[in-house]
């Protein structure tokens, strides 16, 4: 069994910065859905990878993260 490395807990400032970054990404993802291309991309992503088991917020975060990394459903 491999040993676990302890994570350094985030400070309140770091935690808030991470939350704000997540909110910003979520807002960008929601804004992208308002465009025809964004909506079509969303439908393709959902149909290919089984995202339906995740909450809508997590689906949007996953989709925008994939899109920002250049990962597209095939």
C-alpha atoms as a PDB file:
ATOM      1  CA  UNK A   1       0.000   0.000   0.000  1.00  0.00           C
ATOM      2  CA  UNK A   2       1.360   3.383  -0.949  1.00  0.00           C
ATOM      3  CA  UNK A   3       1.671   6.031   1.701  1.00  0.00           C
ATOM      4  CA  UNK A   4      -0.361   9.165   1.377  1.00  0.00           C
ATOM      5  CA  UNK A   5       1.201  12.563   1.338  1.00  0.00           C
ATOM      6  CA  UNK A   6      -0.499  15.092   3.536  1.00  0.00           C
ATOM      7  CA  UNK A   7      -2.020  18.068   1.801  1.00  0.00           C
ATOM      8  CA  UNK A   8      -1.314  21.463   3.206  1.00  0.00           C
ATOM      9  CA  UNK A   9      -4.661  22.970   4.180  1.00  0.00           C
ATOM     10  CA  UNK A  10      -5.670  26.031   2.224  1.00  0.00           C
ATOM     11  CA  UNK A  11      -5.823  29.332   4.002  1.00  0.00           C
ATOM     12  CA  UNK A  12      -9.156  31.164   4.001  1.00  0.00           C
ATOM     13  CA  UNK A  13      -7.766  33.549   1.360  1.00  0.00           C
ATOM     14  CA  UNK A  14      -6.644  30.667  -0.875  1.00  0.00           C
ATOM     15  CA  UNK A  15      -9.969  28.898  -0.414  1.00  0.00           C
ATOM     16  CA  UNK A  16     -11.893  32.040  -1.373  1.00  0.00           C
ATOM     17  CA  UNK A  17      -9.636  32.561  -4.405  1.00  0.00           C
ATOM     18  CA  UNK A  18     -10.352  28.992  -5.524  1.00  0.00           C
ATOM     19  CA  UNK A  19     -14.098  29.497  -5.037  1.00  0.00           C
ATOM     20  CA  UNK A  20     -13.986  32.736  -7.007  1.00  0.00           C
ATOM     21  CA  UNK A  21     -12.100  31.029  -9.843  1.00  0.00           C
ATOM     22  CA  UNK A  22     -14.742  28.269  -9.880  1.00  0.00           C
ATOM     23  CA  UNK A  23     -17.547  30.838  -9.954  1.00  0.00           C
ATOM     24  CA  UNK A  24     -15.829  32.683 -12.805  1.00  0.00           C
ATOM     25  CA  UNK A  25     -15.420  29.472 -14.804  1.00  0.00           C
ATOM     26  CA  UNK A  26     -19.045  28.542 -14.151  1.00  0.00           C
ATOM     27  CA  UNK A  27     -20.193  31.971 -15.306  1.00  0.00           C
ATOM     28  CA  UNK A  28     -18.084  31.640 -18.476  1.00  0.00           C
ATOM     29  CA  UNK A  29     -19.564  28.199 -19.128  1.00  0.00           C
ATOM     30  CA  UNK A  30     -23.113  29.447 -18.652  1.00  0.00           C
ATOM     31  CA  UNK A  31     -22.432  32.421 -20.924  1.00  0.00           C
ATOM     32  CA  UNK A  32     -21.054  30.059 -23.599  1.00  0.00           C
ATOM     33  CA  UNK A  33     -24.360  28.158 -23.542  1.00  0.00           C
ATOM     34  CA  UNK A  34     -26.092  31.287 -24.788  1.00  0.00           C
ATOM     35  CA  UNK A  35     -24.332  30.969 -28.147  1.00  0.00           C
ATOM     36  CA  UNK A  36     -25.316  28.453 -30.797  1.00  0.00           C
ATOM     37  CA  UNK A  37     -21.810  26.972 -30.945  1.00  0.00           C
ATOM     38  CA  UNK A  38     -21.611  26.741 -27.168  1.00  0.00           C
ATOM     39  CA  UNK A  39     -24.957  24.979 -26.946  1.00  0.00           C
ATOM     40  CA  UNK A  40     -24.019  22.493 -29.683  1.00  0.00           C
ATOM     41  CA  UNK A  41     -20.702  21.801 -27.967  1.00  0.00           C
ATOM     42  CA  UNK A  42     -22.564  21.199 -24.696  1.00  0.00           C
ATOM     43  CA  UNK A  43     -24.927  18.701 -26.340  1.00  0.00           C
ATOM     44  CA  UNK A  44     -21.970  16.836 -27.910  1.00  0.00           C
ATOM     45  CA  UNK A  45     -20.124  16.667 -24.587  1.00  0.00           C
ATOM     46  CA  UNK A  46     -23.199  15.406 -22.718  1.00  0.00           C
ATOM     47  CA  UNK A  47     -24.020  12.783 -25.312  1.00  0.00           C
ATOM     48  CA  UNK A  48     -20.530  11.302 -25.401  1.00  0.00           C
ATOM     49  CA  UNK A  49     -19.273  11.000 -21.857  1.00  0.00           C
ATOM     50  CA  UNK A  50     -22.061  10.187 -19.410  1.00  0.00           C
ATOM     51  CA  UNK A  51     -22.071  13.513 -17.596  1.00  0.00           C
ATOM     52  CA  UNK A  52     -25.691  13.006 -16.592  1.00  0.00           C
ATOM     53  CA  UNK A  53     -24.606  11.432 -13.295  1.00  0.00           C
ATOM     54  CA  UNK A  54     -23.141  14.777 -12.161  1.00  0.00           C
ATOM     55  CA  UNK A  55     -24.961  17.863 -10.922  1.00  0.00           C
ATOM     56  CA  UNK A  56     -25.508  20.614 -13.486  1.00  0.00           C
ATOM     57  CA  UNK A  57     -22.881  22.786 -11.769  1.00  0.00           C
ATOM     58  CA  UNK A  58     -20.277  20.034 -11.954  1.00  0.00           C
ATOM     59  CA  UNK A  59     -21.247  19.251 -15.547  1.00  0.00           C
ATOM     60  CA  UNK A  60     -20.597  22.856 -16.509  1.00  0.00           C
ATOM     61  CA  UNK A  61     -17.285  22.946 -14.648  1.00  0.00           C
ATOM     62  CA  UNK A  62     -16.144  19.706 -16.297  1.00  0.00           C
ATOM     63  CA  UNK A  63     -17.224  20.864 -19.746  1.00  0.00           C
ATOM     64  CA  UNK A  64     -15.536  24.272 -19.505  1.00  0.00           C
ATOM     65  CA  UNK A  65     -12.366  22.690 -18.123  1.00  0.00           C
ATOM     66  CA  UNK A  66     -12.268  20.217 -21.025  1.00  0.00           C
ATOM     67  CA  UNK A  67     -12.937  22.984 -23.522  1.00  0.00           C
ATOM     68  CA  UNK A  68     -10.202  25.199 -22.042  1.00  0.00           C
ATOM     69  CA  UNK A  69      -7.723  22.296 -22.317  1.00  0.00           C
ATOM     70  CA  UNK A  70      -8.692  21.630 -25.925  1.00  0.00           C
ATOM     71  CA  UNK A  71     -10.363  18.315 -25.135  1.00  0.00           C
ATOM     72  CA  UNK A  72     -13.326  17.658 -27.401  1.00  0.00           C
ATOM     73  CA  UNK A  73     -15.683  14.684 -27.472  1.00  0.00           C
ATOM     74  CA  UNK A  74     -15.147  12.273 -30.342  1.00  0.00           C
END
